[in-house]
Amino acid sequence: IEFAAFSGLYMLIFFLTGEITILGGAAFCSAIAIRHWLW
C-alpha cells in the first residue's frame, strides 16, 4: 500500500512536470507494490 501510494504521487508529479525519470520511479514503485502484494 505504501509503495502504491508513492507510485501514485510520482505519477501525479510526472503529469505535472513531464519528466520521464519520474515516470520510471512510479513504474518501479508499482512493481515493488505488486511484488509485495503477491508475497
Full PDB file with SEQRES, HELIX, SHEET, SSBOND, CRYST1, ORIGX, SCALE, CONECT and MASTER records, all heavy atoms in Angstrom:
SEQRES   1 A   39  ILE GLU PHE ALA ALA PHE SER GLY LEU TYR MET LEU ILE          
SEQRES   2 A   39  PHE PHE LEU THR GLY GLU ILE THR ILE LEU GLY GLY ALA          
SEQRES   3 A   39  ALA PHE CYS SER ALA ILE ALA ILE ARG HIS TRP LEU TRP          
HELIX    1 AA1 GLU A    2  THR A   17  1                                  16    
HELIX    2 AA2 ILE A   20  LEU A   38  1                                  19    
CRYST1    1.000    1.000    1.000  90.00  90.00  90.00 P 1           1          
ORIGX1      1.000000  0.000000  0.000000        0.00000                         
ORIGX2      0.000000  1.000000  0.000000        0.00000                         
ORIGX3      0.000000  0.000000  1.000000        0.00000                         
SCALE1      1.000000  0.000000  0.000000        0.00000                         
SCALE2      0.000000  1.000000  0.000000        0.00000                         
SCALE3      0.000000  0.000000  1.000000        0.00000                         
ATOM      1  N   ILE A   1       0.832  -1.209   0.000  1.00  0.00           N  
ATOM      2  CA  ILE A   1       0.000   0.000   0.000  1.00  0.00           C  
ATOM      3  C   ILE A   1       0.865   1.257   0.000  1.00  0.00           C  
ATOM      4  O   ILE A   1       0.591   2.214  -0.732  1.00  0.00           O  
ATOM      5  CB  ILE A   1      -0.977  -0.023   1.195  1.00  0.00           C  
ATOM      6  CG1 ILE A   1      -2.016  -1.123   0.986  1.00  0.00           C  
ATOM      7  CG2 ILE A   1      -1.636   1.337   1.400  1.00  0.00           C  
ATOM      8  CD1 ILE A   1      -2.842  -1.439   2.207  1.00  0.00           C  
ATOM      9  N   GLU A   2       1.929   1.253   0.788  1.00  0.00           N  
ATOM     10  CA  GLU A   2       2.815   2.415   0.834  1.00  0.00           C  
ATOM     11  C   GLU A   2       3.509   2.645  -0.506  1.00  0.00           C  
ATOM     12  O   GLU A   2       3.586   3.784  -0.982  1.00  0.00           O  
ATOM     13  CB  GLU A   2       3.850   2.254   1.941  1.00  0.00           C  
ATOM     14  CG  GLU A   2       3.276   2.437   3.318  1.00  0.00           C  
ATOM     15  CD  GLU A   2       4.340   2.383   4.396  1.00  0.00           C  
ATOM     16  OE1 GLU A   2       5.401   3.009   4.213  1.00  0.00           O  
ATOM     17  OE2 GLU A   2       4.115   1.702   5.405  1.00  0.00           O  
ATOM     18  N   PHE A   3       4.006   1.570  -1.113  1.00  0.00           N  
ATOM     19  CA  PHE A   3       4.669   1.731  -2.410  1.00  0.00           C  
ATOM     20  C   PHE A   3       3.668   2.151  -3.485  1.00  0.00           C  
ATOM     21  O   PHE A   3       4.017   2.927  -4.384  1.00  0.00           O  
ATOM     22  CB  PHE A   3       5.413   0.459  -2.817  1.00  0.00           C  
ATOM     23  CG  PHE A   3       6.788   0.378  -2.232  1.00  0.00           C  
ATOM     24  CD1 PHE A   3       7.065  -0.508  -1.210  1.00  0.00           C  
ATOM     25  CD2 PHE A   3       7.806   1.188  -2.698  1.00  0.00           C  
ATOM     26  CE1 PHE A   3       8.330  -0.584  -0.663  1.00  0.00           C  
ATOM     27  CE2 PHE A   3       9.073   1.131  -2.165  1.00  0.00           C  
ATOM     28  CZ  PHE A   3       9.346   0.239  -1.138  1.00  0.00           C  
ATOM     29  N   ALA A   4       2.444   1.666  -3.420  1.00  0.00           N  
ATOM     30  CA  ALA A   4       1.415   2.094  -4.375  1.00  0.00           C  
ATOM     31  C   ALA A   4       1.108   3.581  -4.198  1.00  0.00           C  
ATOM     32  O   ALA A   4       0.908   4.304  -5.188  1.00  0.00           O  
ATOM     33  CB  ALA A   4       0.154   1.254  -4.202  1.00  0.00           C  
ATOM     34  N   ALA A   5       1.096   4.042  -2.954  1.00  0.00           N  
ATOM     35  CA  ALA A   5       0.852   5.465  -2.691  1.00  0.00           C  
ATOM     36  C   ALA A   5       1.985   6.320  -3.264  1.00  0.00           C  
ATOM     37  O   ALA A   5       1.735   7.366  -3.885  1.00  0.00           O  
ATOM     38  CB  ALA A   5       0.706   5.713  -1.195  1.00  0.00           C  
ATOM     39  N   PHE A   6       3.226   5.883  -3.078  1.00  0.00           N  
ATOM     40  CA  PHE A   6       4.355   6.621  -3.654  1.00  0.00           C  
ATOM     41  C   PHE A   6       4.285   6.601  -5.175  1.00  0.00           C  
ATOM     42  O   PHE A   6       4.579   7.599  -5.833  1.00  0.00           O  
ATOM     43  CB  PHE A   6       5.685   6.046  -3.182  1.00  0.00           C  
ATOM     44  CG  PHE A   6       6.160   6.636  -1.895  1.00  0.00           C  
ATOM     45  CD1 PHE A   6       6.053   5.928  -0.717  1.00  0.00           C  
ATOM     46  CD2 PHE A   6       6.705   7.909  -1.845  1.00  0.00           C  
ATOM     47  CE1 PHE A   6       6.479   6.465   0.482  1.00  0.00           C  
ATOM     48  CE2 PHE A   6       7.136   8.466  -0.659  1.00  0.00           C  
ATOM     49  CZ  PHE A   6       7.021   7.741   0.516  1.00  0.00           C  
ATOM     50  N   SER A   7       3.868   5.475  -5.734  1.00  0.00           N  
ATOM     51  CA  SER A   7       3.724   5.389  -7.184  1.00  0.00           C  
ATOM     52  C   SER A   7       2.698   6.398  -7.682  1.00  0.00           C  
ATOM     53  O   SER A   7       2.926   7.084  -8.681  1.00  0.00           O  
ATOM     54  CB  SER A   7       3.318   3.968  -7.584  1.00  0.00           C  
ATOM     55  OG  SER A   7       3.144   3.892  -8.970  1.00  0.00           O  
ATOM     56  N   GLY A   8       1.579   6.495  -6.984  1.00  0.00           N  
ATOM     57  CA  GLY A   8       0.564   7.479  -7.349  1.00  0.00           C  
ATOM     58  C   GLY A   8       1.072   8.904  -7.250  1.00  0.00           C  
ATOM     59  O   GLY A   8       0.806   9.738  -8.129  1.00  0.00           O  
ATOM     60  N   LEU A   9       1.819   9.187  -6.195  1.00  0.00           N  
ATOM     61  CA  LEU A   9       2.396  10.516  -6.029  1.00  0.00           C  
ATOM     62  C   LEU A   9       3.361  10.825  -7.164  1.00  0.00           C  
ATOM     63  O   LEU A   9       3.327  11.919  -7.755  1.00  0.00           O  
ATOM     64  CB  LEU A   9       3.116  10.613  -4.681  1.00  0.00           C  
ATOM     65  CG  LEU A   9       3.898  11.895  -4.418  1.00  0.00           C  
ATOM     66  CD1 LEU A   9       2.954  13.087  -4.342  1.00  0.00           C  
ATOM     67  CD2 LEU A   9       4.721  11.765  -3.156  1.00  0.00           C  
ATOM     68  N   TYR A  10       4.210   9.870  -7.501  1.00  0.00           N  
ATOM     69  CA  TYR A  10       5.168  10.073  -8.588  1.00  0.00           C  
ATOM     70  C   TYR A  10       4.454  10.236  -9.929  1.00  0.00           C  
ATOM     71  O   TYR A  10       4.890  11.017 -10.779  1.00  0.00           O  
ATOM     72  CB  TYR A  10       6.169   8.928  -8.652  1.00  0.00           C  
ATOM     73  CG  TYR A  10       7.084   8.846  -7.438  1.00  0.00           C  
ATOM     74  CD1 TYR A  10       7.653   7.640  -7.054  1.00  0.00           C  
ATOM     75  CD2 TYR A  10       7.387   9.964  -6.674  1.00  0.00           C  
ATOM     76  CE1 TYR A  10       8.488   7.550  -5.954  1.00  0.00           C  
ATOM     77  CE2 TYR A  10       8.215   9.883  -5.564  1.00  0.00           C  
ATOM     78  CZ  TYR A  10       8.767   8.674  -5.211  1.00  0.00           C  
ATOM     79  OH  TYR A  10       9.595   8.581  -4.122  1.00  0.00           O  
ATOM     80  N   MET A  11       3.347   9.520 -10.128  1.00  0.00           N  
ATOM     81  CA  MET A  11       2.580   9.683 -11.364  1.00  0.00           C  
ATOM     82  C   MET A  11       2.008  11.101 -11.450  1.00  0.00           C  
ATOM     83  O   MET A  11       2.046  11.724 -12.517  1.00  0.00           O  
ATOM     84  CB  MET A  11       1.446   8.659 -11.439  1.00  0.00           C  
ATOM     85  CG  MET A  11       1.894   7.269 -11.799  1.00  0.00           C  
ATOM     86  SD  MET A  11       2.702   7.150 -13.403  1.00  0.00           S  
ATOM     87  CE  MET A  11       1.354   7.566 -14.489  1.00  0.00           C  
ATOM     88  N   LEU A  12       1.514  11.601 -10.343  1.00  0.00           N  
ATOM     89  CA  LEU A  12       0.993  12.965 -10.314  1.00  0.00           C  
ATOM     90  C   LEU A  12       2.097  13.967 -10.665  1.00  0.00           C  
ATOM     91  O   LEU A  12       1.898  14.870 -11.482  1.00  0.00           O  
ATOM     92  CB  LEU A  12       0.398  13.273  -8.935  1.00  0.00           C  
ATOM     93  CG  LEU A  12      -0.118  14.688  -8.728  1.00  0.00           C  
ATOM     94  CD1 LEU A  12      -1.297  14.975  -9.655  1.00  0.00           C  
ATOM     95  CD2 LEU A  12      -0.513  14.895  -7.283  1.00  0.00           C  
ATOM     96  N   ILE A  13       3.257  13.766 -10.054  1.00  0.00           N  
ATOM     97  CA  ILE A  13       4.385  14.663 -10.344  1.00  0.00           C  
ATOM     98  C   ILE A  13       4.789  14.553 -11.809  1.00  0.00           C  
ATOM     99  O   ILE A  13       5.097  15.557 -12.463  1.00  0.00           O  
ATOM    100  CB  ILE A  13       5.575  14.361  -9.402  1.00  0.00           C  
ATOM    101  CG1 ILE A  13       5.204  14.706  -7.962  1.00  0.00           C  
ATOM    102  CG2 ILE A  13       6.818  15.128  -9.842  1.00  0.00           C  
ATOM    103  CD1 ILE A  13       6.205  14.233  -6.932  1.00  0.00           C  
ATOM    104  N   PHE A  14       4.769  13.323 -12.352  1.00  0.00           N  
ATOM    105  CA  PHE A  14       5.093  13.142 -13.772  1.00  0.00           C  
ATOM    106  C   PHE A  14       4.119  13.919 -14.658  1.00  0.00           C  
ATOM    107  O   PHE A  14       4.529  14.597 -15.600  1.00  0.00           O  
ATOM    108  CB  PHE A  14       5.079  11.661 -14.146  1.00  0.00           C  
ATOM    109  CG  PHE A  14       5.079  11.414 -15.626  1.00  0.00           C  
ATOM    110  CD1 PHE A  14       6.221  11.673 -16.372  1.00  0.00           C  
ATOM    111  CD2 PHE A  14       3.944  10.968 -16.270  1.00  0.00           C  
ATOM    112  CE1 PHE A  14       6.226  11.471 -17.747  1.00  0.00           C  
ATOM    113  CE2 PHE A  14       3.936  10.756 -17.633  1.00  0.00           C  
ATOM    114  CZ  PHE A  14       5.084  11.017 -18.375  1.00  0.00           C  
ATOM    115  N   PHE A  15       2.818  13.830 -14.362  1.00  0.00           N  
ATOM    116  CA  PHE A  15       1.840  14.532 -15.178  1.00  0.00           C  
ATOM    117  C   PHE A  15       2.000  16.048 -15.074  1.00  0.00           C  
ATOM    118  O   PHE A  15       1.715  16.776 -16.027  1.00  0.00           O  
ATOM    119  CB  PHE A  15       0.418  14.124 -14.808  1.00  0.00           C  
ATOM    120  CG  PHE A  15       0.060  12.748 -15.282  1.00  0.00           C  
ATOM    121  CD1 PHE A  15      -0.477  11.820 -14.403  1.00  0.00           C  
ATOM    122  CD2 PHE A  15       0.273  12.356 -16.592  1.00  0.00           C  
ATOM    123  CE1 PHE A  15      -0.817  10.541 -14.825  1.00  0.00           C  
ATOM    124  CE2 PHE A  15      -0.055  11.083 -17.030  1.00  0.00           C  
ATOM    125  CZ  PHE A  15      -0.601  10.176 -16.149  1.00  0.00           C  
ATOM    126  N   LEU A  16       2.472  16.527 -13.934  1.00  0.00           N  
ATOM    127  CA  LEU A  16       2.675  17.964 -13.762  1.00  0.00           C  
ATOM    128  C   LEU A  16       3.951  18.463 -14.424  1.00  0.00           C  
ATOM    129  O   LEU A  16       4.004  19.600 -14.901  1.00  0.00           O  
ATOM    130  CB  LEU A  16       2.685  18.319 -12.271  1.00  0.00           C  
ATOM    131  CG  LEU A  16       1.363  18.132 -11.528  1.00  0.00           C  
ATOM    132  CD1 LEU A  16       1.564  18.372 -10.029  1.00  0.00           C  
ATOM    133  CD2 LEU A  16       0.288  19.051 -12.086  1.00  0.00           C  
ATOM    134  N   THR A  17       4.992  17.607 -14.433  1.00  0.00           N  
ATOM    135  CA  THR A  17       6.292  18.060 -14.940  1.00  0.00           C  
ATOM    136  C   THR A  17       6.664  17.485 -16.306  1.00  0.00           C  
ATOM    137  O   THR A  17       7.444  18.085 -17.026  1.00  0.00           O  
ATOM    138  CB  THR A  17       7.415  17.686 -13.946  1.00  0.00           C  
ATOM    139  OG1 THR A  17       7.518  16.258 -13.879  1.00  0.00           O  
ATOM    140  CG2 THR A  17       7.166  18.286 -12.574  1.00  0.00           C  
ATOM    141  N   GLY A  18       6.164  16.301 -16.613  1.00  0.00           N  
ATOM    142  CA  GLY A  18       6.538  15.642 -17.864  1.00  0.00           C  
ATOM    143  C   GLY A  18       7.918  15.007 -17.840  1.00  0.00           C  
ATOM    144  O   GLY A  18       8.398  14.533 -18.867  1.00  0.00           O  
ATOM    145  N   GLU A  19       8.548  14.976 -16.674  1.00  0.00           N  
ATOM    146  CA  GLU A  19       9.894  14.390 -16.548  1.00  0.00           C  
ATOM    147  C   GLU A  19       9.809  12.861 -16.612  1.00  0.00           C  
ATOM    148  O   GLU A  19       9.183  12.238 -15.761  1.00  0.00           O  
ATOM    149  CB  GLU A  19      10.553  14.809 -15.234  1.00  0.00           C  
ATOM    150  CG  GLU A  19      10.985  16.235 -15.190  1.00  0.00           C  
ATOM    151  CD  GLU A  19      12.146  16.518 -16.117  1.00  0.00           C  
ATOM    152  OE1 GLU A  19      13.018  15.635 -16.289  1.00  0.00           O  
ATOM    153  OE2 GLU A  19      12.176  17.631 -16.665  1.00  0.00           O  
ATOM    154  N   ILE A  20      10.466  12.279 -17.588  1.00  0.00           N  
ATOM    155  CA  ILE A  20      10.393  10.834 -17.797  1.00  0.00           C  
ATOM    156  C   ILE A  20      11.024  10.050 -16.638  1.00  0.00           C  
ATOM    157  O   ILE A  20      10.598   8.927 -16.348  1.00  0.00           O  
ATOM    158  CB  ILE A  20      11.022  10.456 -19.159  1.00  0.00           C  
ATOM    159  CG1 ILE A  20      10.611   9.049 -19.579  1.00  0.00           C  
ATOM    160  CG2 ILE A  20      12.528  10.572 -19.122  1.00  0.00           C  
ATOM    161  CD1 ILE A  20       9.214   8.942 -20.046  1.00  0.00           C  
ATOM    162  N   THR A  21      12.001  10.631 -15.962  1.00  0.00           N  
ATOM    163  CA  THR A  21      12.624   9.928 -14.839  1.00  0.00           C  
ATOM    164  C   THR A  21      11.632   9.715 -13.696  1.00  0.00           C  
ATOM    165  O   THR A  21      11.708   8.713 -12.990  1.00  0.00           O  
ATOM    166  CB  THR A  21      13.862  10.687 -14.314  1.00  0.00           C  
ATOM    167  OG1 THR A  21      13.476  12.021 -13.991  1.00  0.00           O  
ATOM    168  CG2 THR A  21      14.968  10.716 -15.349  1.00  0.00           C  
ATOM    169  N   ILE A  22      10.712  10.626 -13.540  1.00  0.00           N  
ATOM    170  CA  ILE A  22       9.684  10.494 -12.507  1.00  0.00           C  
ATOM    171  C   ILE A  22       8.770   9.318 -12.857  1.00  0.00           C  
ATOM    172  O   ILE A  22       8.342   8.558 -11.983  1.00  0.00           O  
ATOM    173  CB  ILE A  22       8.866  11.787 -12.356  1.00  0.00           C  
ATOM    174  CG1 ILE A  22       9.769  12.997 -12.091  1.00  0.00           C  
ATOM    175  CG2 ILE A  22       7.820  11.650 -11.273  1.00  0.00           C  
ATOM    176  CD1 ILE A  22      10.521  12.953 -10.788  1.00  0.00           C  
ATOM    177  N   LEU A  23       8.493   9.155 -14.135  1.00  0.00           N  
ATOM    178  CA  LEU A  23       7.680   8.025 -14.590  1.00  0.00           C  
ATOM    179  C   LEU A  23       8.373   6.702 -14.259  1.00  0.00           C  
ATOM    180  O   LEU A  23       7.725   5.732 -13.854  1.00  0.00           O  
ATOM    181  CB  LEU A  23       7.410   8.128 -16.090  1.00  0.00           C  
ATOM    182  CG  LEU A  23       6.537   7.048 -16.700  1.00  0.00           C  
ATOM    183  CD1 LEU A  23       5.154   7.048 -16.050  1.00  0.00           C  
ATOM    184  CD2 LEU A  23       6.435   7.259 -18.206  1.00  0.00           C  
ATOM    185  N   GLY A  24       9.684   6.667 -14.392  1.00  0.00           N  
ATOM    186  CA  GLY A  24      10.450   5.468 -14.029  1.00  0.00           C  
ATOM    187  C   GLY A  24      10.317   5.149 -12.551  1.00  0.00           C  
ATOM    188  O   GLY A  24      10.147   3.990 -12.167  1.00  0.00           O  
ATOM    189  N   GLY A  25      10.367   6.165 -11.711  1.00  0.00           N  
ATOM    190  CA  GLY A  25      10.184   5.962 -10.274  1.00  0.00           C  
ATOM    191  C   GLY A  25       8.806   5.407  -9.972  1.00  0.00           C  
ATOM    192  O   GLY A  25       8.646   4.516  -9.136  1.00  0.00           O  
ATOM    193  N   ALA A  26       7.800   5.920 -10.668  1.00  0.00           N  
ATOM    194  CA  ALA A  26       6.434   5.426 -10.475  1.00  0.00           C  
ATOM    195  C   ALA A  26       6.328   3.968 -10.906  1.00  0.00           C  
ATOM    196  O   ALA A  26       5.693   3.162 -10.226  1.00  0.00           O  
ATOM    197  CB  ALA A  26       5.450   6.289 -11.262  1.00  0.00           C  
ATOM    198  N   ALA A  27       6.943   3.632 -12.024  1.00  0.00           N  
ATOM    199  CA  ALA A  27       6.878   2.255 -12.532  1.00  0.00           C  
ATOM    200  C   ALA A  27       7.555   1.280 -11.578  1.00  0.00           C  
ATOM    201  O   ALA A  27       7.013   0.204 -11.289  1.00  0.00           O  
ATOM    202  CB  ALA A  27       7.524   2.181 -13.912  1.00  0.00           C  
ATOM    203  N   PHE A  28       8.726   1.635 -11.078  1.00  0.00           N  
ATOM    204  CA  PHE A  28       9.431   0.734 -10.168  1.00  0.00           C  
ATOM    205  C   PHE A  28       8.712   0.597  -8.833  1.00  0.00           C  
ATOM    206  O   PHE A  28       8.665  -0.490  -8.255  1.00  0.00           O  
ATOM    207  CB  PHE A  28      10.888   1.179  -9.976  1.00  0.00           C  
ATOM    208  CG  PHE A  28      11.780   0.732 -11.086  1.00  0.00           C  
ATOM    209  CD1 PHE A  28      12.187   1.617 -12.057  1.00  0.00           C  
ATOM    210  CD2 PHE A  28      12.193  -0.589 -11.168  1.00  0.00           C  
ATOM    211  CE1 PHE A  28      13.008   1.207 -13.099  1.00  0.00           C  
ATOM    212  CE2 PHE A  28      13.008  -1.019 -12.199  1.00  0.00           C  
ATOM    213  CZ  PHE A  28      13.417  -0.120 -13.170  1.00  0.00           C  
ATOM    214  N   CYS A  29       8.140   1.695  -8.327  1.00  0.00           N  
ATOM    215  CA  CYS A  29       7.362   1.602  -7.089  1.00  0.00           C  
ATOM    216  C   CYS A  29       6.130   0.727  -7.300  1.00  0.00           C  
ATOM    217  O   CYS A  29       5.756  -0.050  -6.419  1.00  0.00           O  
ATOM    218  CB  CYS A  29       6.967   2.990  -6.596  1.00  0.00           C  
ATOM    219  SG  CYS A  29       8.300   3.872  -5.769  1.00  0.00           S  
ATOM    220  N   SER A  30       5.515   0.827  -8.474  1.00  0.00           N  
ATOM    221  CA  SER A  30       4.376  -0.040  -8.784  1.00  0.00           C  
ATOM    222  C   SER A  30       4.794  -1.503  -8.821  1.00  0.00           C  
ATOM    223  O   SER A  30       4.078  -2.374  -8.311  1.00  0.00           O  
ATOM    224  CB  SER A  30       3.771   0.342 -10.138  1.00  0.00           C  
ATOM    225  OG  SER A  30       3.156   1.583 -10.070  1.00  0.00           O  
ATOM    226  N   ALA A  31       5.948  -1.764  -9.418  1.00  0.00           N  
ATOM    227  CA  ALA A  31       6.439  -3.146  -9.492  1.00  0.00           C  
ATOM    228  C   ALA A  31       6.695  -3.712  -8.096  1.00  0.00           C  
ATOM    229  O   ALA A  31       6.339  -4.862  -7.812  1.00  0.00           O  
ATOM    230  CB  ALA A  31       7.715  -3.204 -10.333  1.00  0.00           C  
ATOM    231  N   ILE A  32       7.278  -2.914  -7.229  1.00  0.00           N  
ATOM    232  CA  ILE A  32       7.528  -3.365  -5.861  1.00  0.00           C  
ATOM    233  C   ILE A  32       6.204  -3.579  -5.135  1.00  0.00           C  
ATOM    234  O   ILE A  32       6.041  -4.558  -4.395  1.00  0.00           O  
ATOM    235  CB  ILE A  32       8.415  -2.358  -5.107  1.00  0.00           C  
ATOM    236  CG1 ILE A  32       9.821  -2.351  -5.716  1.00  0.00           C  
ATOM    237  CG2 ILE A  32       8.486  -2.701  -3.617  1.00  0.00           C  
ATOM    238  CD1 ILE A  32      10.711  -1.235  -5.201  1.00  0.00           C  
ATOM    239  N   ALA A  33       5.243  -2.684  -5.341  1.00  0.00           N  
ATOM    240  CA  ALA A  33       3.936  -2.822  -4.698  1.00  0.00           C  
ATOM    241  C   ALA A  33       3.260  -4.124  -5.122  1.00  0.00           C  
ATOM    242  O   ALA A  33       2.739  -4.864  -4.278  1.00  0.00           O  
ATOM    243  CB  ALA A  33       3.042  -1.626  -5.046  1.00  0.00           C  
ATOM    244  N   ILE A  34       3.307  -4.429  -6.398  1.00  0.00           N  
ATOM    245  CA  ILE A  34       2.695  -5.667  -6.890  1.00  0.00           C  
ATOM    246  C   ILE A  34       3.404  -6.883  -6.314  1.00  0.00           C  
ATOM    247  O   ILE A  34       2.765  -7.836  -5.857  1.00  0.00           O  
ATOM    248  CB  ILE A  34       2.703  -5.696  -8.432  1.00  0.00           C  
ATOM    249  CG1 ILE A  34       1.742  -4.640  -8.968  1.00  0.00           C  
ATOM    250  CG2 ILE A  34       2.351  -7.085  -8.964  1.00  0.00           C  
ATOM    251  CD1 ILE A  34       1.893  -4.359 -10.456  1.00  0.00           C  
ATOM    252  N   ARG A  35       4.733  -6.845  -6.303  1.00  0.00           N  
ATOM    253  CA  ARG A  35       5.506  -7.968  -5.762  1.00  0.00           C  
ATOM    254  C   ARG A  35       5.186  -8.189  -4.288  1.00  0.00           C  
ATOM    255  O   ARG A  35       4.962  -9.316  -3.852  1.00  0.00           O  
ATOM    256  CB  ARG A  35       6.999  -7.719  -5.958  1.00  0.00           C  
ATOM    257  CG  ARG A  35       7.857  -8.890  -5.500  1.00  0.00           C  
ATOM    258  CD  ARG A  35       9.303  -8.693  -5.828  1.00  0.00           C  
ATOM    259  NE  ARG A  35       9.766  -7.400  -5.320  1.00  0.00           N  
ATOM    260  CZ  ARG A  35      10.829  -6.771  -5.780  1.00  0.00           C  
ATOM    261  NH1 ARG A  35      11.542  -7.270  -6.753  1.00  0.00           N  
ATOM    262  NH2 ARG A  35      11.193  -5.620  -5.260  1.00  0.00           N  
ATOM    263  N   HIS A  36       5.138  -7.128  -3.508  1.00  0.00           N  
ATOM    264  CA  HIS A  36       4.841  -7.267  -2.080  1.00  0.00           C  
ATOM    265  C   HIS A  36       3.405  -7.735  -1.857  1.00  0.00           C  
ATOM    266  O   HIS A  36       3.141  -8.508  -0.937  1.00  0.00           O  
ATOM    267  CB  HIS A  36       5.105  -5.960  -1.347  1.00  0.00           C  
ATOM    268  CG  HIS A  36       6.558  -5.692  -1.152  1.00  0.00           C  
ATOM    269  ND1 HIS A  36       7.029  -4.759  -0.271  1.00  0.00           N  
ATOM    270  CD2 HIS A  36       7.668  -6.241  -1.716  1.00  0.00           C  
ATOM    271  CE1 HIS A  36       8.353  -4.739  -0.304  1.00  0.00           C  
ATOM    272  NE2 HIS A  36       8.745  -5.630  -1.196  1.00  0.00           N  
ATOM    273  N   TRP A  37       2.481  -7.276  -2.700  1.00  0.00           N  
ATOM    274  CA  TRP A  37       1.092  -7.724  -2.582  1.00  0.00           C  
ATOM    275  C   TRP A  37       1.018  -9.234  -2.837  1.00  0.00           C  
ATOM    276  O   TRP A  37       0.352  -9.959  -2.099  1.00  0.00           O  
ATOM    277  CB  TRP A  37       0.213  -6.971  -3.562  1.00  0.00           C  
ATOM    278  CG  TRP A  37      -1.236  -7.305  -3.388  1.00  0.00           C  
ATOM    279  CD1 TRP A  37      -1.952  -8.245  -4.067  1.00  0.00           C  
ATOM    280  CD2 TRP A  37      -2.127  -6.735  -2.432  1.00  0.00           C  
ATOM    281  NE1 TRP A  37      -3.240  -8.282  -3.610  1.00  0.00           N  
ATOM    282  CE2 TRP A  37      -3.374  -7.363  -2.603  1.00  0.00           C  
ATOM    283  CE3 TRP A  37      -1.994  -5.744  -1.466  1.00  0.00           C  
ATOM    284  CZ2 TRP A  37      -4.484  -7.030  -1.835  1.00  0.00           C  
ATOM    285  CZ3 TRP A  37      -3.099  -5.425  -0.705  1.00  0.00           C  
ATOM    286  CH2 TRP A  37      -4.316  -6.056  -0.887  1.00  0.00           C  
ATOM    287  N   LEU A  38       1.705  -9.689  -3.869  1.00  0.00           N  
ATOM    288  CA  LEU A  38       1.698 -11.125  -4.182  1.00  0.00           C  
ATOM    289  C   LEU A  38       2.364 -11.939  -3.072  1.00  0.00           C  
ATOM    290  O   LEU A  38       1.878 -13.013  -2.716  1.00  0.00           O  
ATOM    291  CB  LEU A  38       2.386 -11.376  -5.526  1.00  0.00           C  
ATOM    292  CG  LEU A  38       1.647 -10.818  -6.748  1.00  0.00           C  
ATOM    293  CD1 LEU A  38       2.497 -10.983  -7.997  1.00  0.00           C  
ATOM    294  CD2 LEU A  38       0.290 -11.470  -6.903  1.00  0.00           C  
ATOM    295  N   TRP A  39       3.463 -11.440  -2.532  1.00  0.00           N  
ATOM    296  CA  TRP A  39       4.117 -12.141  -1.419  1.00  0.00           C  
ATOM    297  C   TRP A  39       3.191 -12.200  -0.210  1.00  0.00           C  
ATOM    298  O   TRP A  39       3.174 -13.185   0.521  1.00  0.00           O  
ATOM    299  CB  TRP A  39       5.416 -11.465  -1.044  1.00  0.00           C  
ATOM    300  CG  TRP A  39       6.540 -11.698  -2.008  1.00  0.00           C  
ATOM    301  CD1 TRP A  39       6.590 -12.623  -3.028  1.00  0.00           C  
ATOM    302  CD2 TRP A  39       7.776 -10.990  -2.053  1.00  0.00           C  
ATOM    303  NE1 TRP A  39       7.784 -12.521  -3.686  1.00  0.00           N  
ATOM    304  CE2 TRP A  39       8.527 -11.546  -3.118  1.00  0.00           C  
ATOM    305  CE3 TRP A  39       8.321  -9.954  -1.315  1.00  0.00           C  
ATOM    306  CZ2 TRP A  39       9.807 -11.076  -3.437  1.00  0.00           C  
ATOM    307  CZ3 TRP A  39       9.579  -9.502  -1.628  1.00  0.00           C  
ATOM    308  CH2 TRP A  39      10.314 -10.065  -2.679  1.00  0.00           C  
TER     309      TRP A  39                                                      
MASTER        0    0    0    2    0    0    0    6  308    1    0    3          
END                                                                             
